[in-house]
């Protein structure tokens, strides 16, 4: 099987939607839907709400990972999504999931980096 490098998107987003970045419950439901929609395989996950607000989430996939960290006090979200192309080409899937995350948070992109690796 030929090795095809995957796509890794790392970004900082900004939003004024304090409800979306305060706790993880809504994000967890949204990302679970994306995982089903794109037929990815979840291996494990950890979610944590911070006090007084903000959350972190790391979802381990057989294809790699999705991670989010929010800072409501700064209206910021850090996003890290990487999918390998080991069994299928996931380049479009990475971009689609990323765009869905940006839309979920009703966010503006302040920094975005795409790495092929």
Protein backbone atom coordinates (compact mmCIF):
# COMPACT_ATOMS: atom_id res chain seq x y z
CA UNK A 1 0.00 0.00 0.00
CA UNK A 2 1.36 3.42 -0.96
CA UNK A 3 1.82 5.94 1.85
CA UNK A 4 -0.23 9.10 1.34
CA UNK A 5 0.43 11.94 3.78
CA UNK A 6 -2.54 13.20 5.77
CA UNK A 7 -3.73 16.71 6.53
CA UNK A 8 -3.33 18.45 9.87
CA UNK A 9 -5.19 21.70 10.53
CA UNK A 10 -4.19 23.82 13.52
CA UNK A 11 -6.13 27.03 14.08
CA UNK A 12 -7.12 29.75 16.50
CA UNK A 13 -10.70 30.95 16.27
CA UNK A 14 -12.52 33.86 17.86
CA UNK A 15 -16.21 33.97 18.79
CA UNK A 16 -18.60 36.04 20.85
CA UNK A 17 -20.86 33.01 21.45
CA UNK A 18 -20.07 32.52 25.13
CA UNK A 19 -22.59 29.68 25.51
CA UNK A 20 -20.80 27.51 22.93
CA UNK A 21 -17.37 27.91 24.50
CA UNK A 22 -18.37 27.73 28.18
CA UNK A 23 -19.03 23.97 28.48
CA UNK A 24 -18.45 20.91 26.30
CA UNK A 25 -21.90 19.22 26.21
CA UNK A 26 -23.11 20.75 22.92
CA UNK A 27 -19.71 20.34 21.28
CA UNK A 28 -19.56 16.68 22.28
CA UNK A 29 -22.90 16.01 20.56
CA UNK A 30 -21.81 17.91 17.45
CA UNK A 31 -18.45 16.12 17.12
CA UNK A 32 -20.08 12.72 17.69
CA UNK A 33 -22.38 13.49 14.74
CA UNK A 34 -19.38 14.45 12.59
CA UNK A 35 -17.58 11.23 13.50
CA UNK A 36 -20.63 9.22 12.43
CA UNK A 37 -21.21 11.29 9.30
CA UNK A 38 -17.64 10.81 8.07
CA UNK A 39 -17.42 7.17 9.19
CA UNK A 40 -14.45 7.68 11.49
CA UNK A 41 -13.62 5.29 14.33
CA UNK A 42 -13.49 6.76 17.82
CA UNK A 43 -11.01 4.98 20.12
CA UNK A 44 -11.43 7.16 23.21
CA UNK A 45 -12.21 10.64 24.39
CA UNK A 46 -11.71 13.00 27.29
CA UNK A 47 -13.74 16.13 27.98
CA UNK A 48 -13.21 18.54 30.85
CA UNK A 49 -15.09 21.70 31.86
CA UNK A 50 -13.06 24.37 33.63
CA UNK A 51 -14.33 26.69 36.35
CA UNK A 52 -15.77 29.22 35.91
CA UNK A 53 -15.98 28.47 32.16
CA UNK A 54 -14.15 26.90 29.24
CA UNK A 55 -13.42 23.35 28.23
CA UNK A 56 -10.92 21.03 26.65
CA UNK A 57 -11.72 18.01 24.51
CA UNK A 58 -9.50 15.37 22.94
CA UNK A 59 -11.01 12.68 20.75
CA UNK A 60 -8.67 9.88 19.76
CA UNK A 61 -9.55 8.31 16.42
CA UNK A 62 -8.07 5.34 14.61
CA UNK A 63 -7.34 7.91 11.90
CA UNK A 64 -5.68 10.24 14.50
CA UNK A 65 -7.38 13.00 16.56
CA UNK A 66 -9.57 16.05 17.09
CA UNK A 67 -8.78 18.41 19.95
CA UNK A 68 -10.34 21.68 21.10
CA UNK A 69 -9.49 24.08 23.91
CA UNK A 70 -11.61 27.14 24.70
CA UNK A 71 -10.82 30.38 26.55
CA UNK A 72 -14.13 32.22 27.12
CA UNK A 73 -12.33 35.05 28.91
CA UNK A 74 -10.56 35.80 25.61
CA UNK A 75 -13.31 34.59 23.20
CA UNK A 76 -10.72 32.13 21.79
CA UNK A 77 -10.79 28.52 20.63
CA UNK A 78 -7.76 26.44 19.67
CA UNK A 79 -8.48 23.67 17.16
CA UNK A 80 -6.24 20.75 16.19
CA UNK A 81 -7.53 18.18 13.69
CA UNK A 82 -5.38 15.55 12.03
CA UNK A 83 -6.48 12.58 9.96
CA UNK A 84 -4.07 10.20 8.31
CA UNK A 85 -4.65 8.78 4.86
CA UNK A 86 -3.60 5.25 5.76
CA UNK A 87 -6.74 3.39 4.62
CA UNK A 88 -8.46 6.14 2.62
CA UNK A 89 -7.87 9.72 1.57
CA UNK A 90 -9.22 11.91 4.39
CA UNK A 91 -8.02 15.29 3.11
CA UNK A 92 -11.54 16.46 2.30
CA UNK A 93 -12.84 15.05 5.58
CA UNK A 94 -10.35 17.08 7.62
CA UNK A 95 -11.41 20.28 5.84
CA UNK A 96 -15.13 19.47 6.20
CA UNK A 97 -14.83 18.72 9.93
CA UNK A 98 -12.81 21.89 10.46
CA UNK A 99 -15.37 24.01 8.61
CA UNK A 100 -18.14 22.40 10.69
CA UNK A 101 -16.28 23.25 13.90
CA UNK A 102 -15.83 26.88 12.78
CA UNK A 103 -19.56 27.04 12.00
CA UNK A 104 -20.51 25.36 15.30
CA UNK A 105 -18.73 28.08 17.27
CA UNK A 106 -19.94 30.83 14.87
CA UNK A 107 -16.28 31.80 14.83
CA UNK A 108 -13.88 33.90 12.82
CA UNK A 109 -10.53 32.35 11.93
CA UNK A 110 -7.68 34.40 13.40
CA UNK A 111 -4.91 31.94 12.51
CA UNK A 112 -4.92 28.76 10.43
CA UNK A 113 -2.14 26.42 9.43
CA UNK A 114 -2.51 23.31 7.26
CA UNK A 115 0.31 20.80 7.38
CA UNK A 116 0.72 17.84 5.05
CA UNK A 117 2.41 15.03 6.95
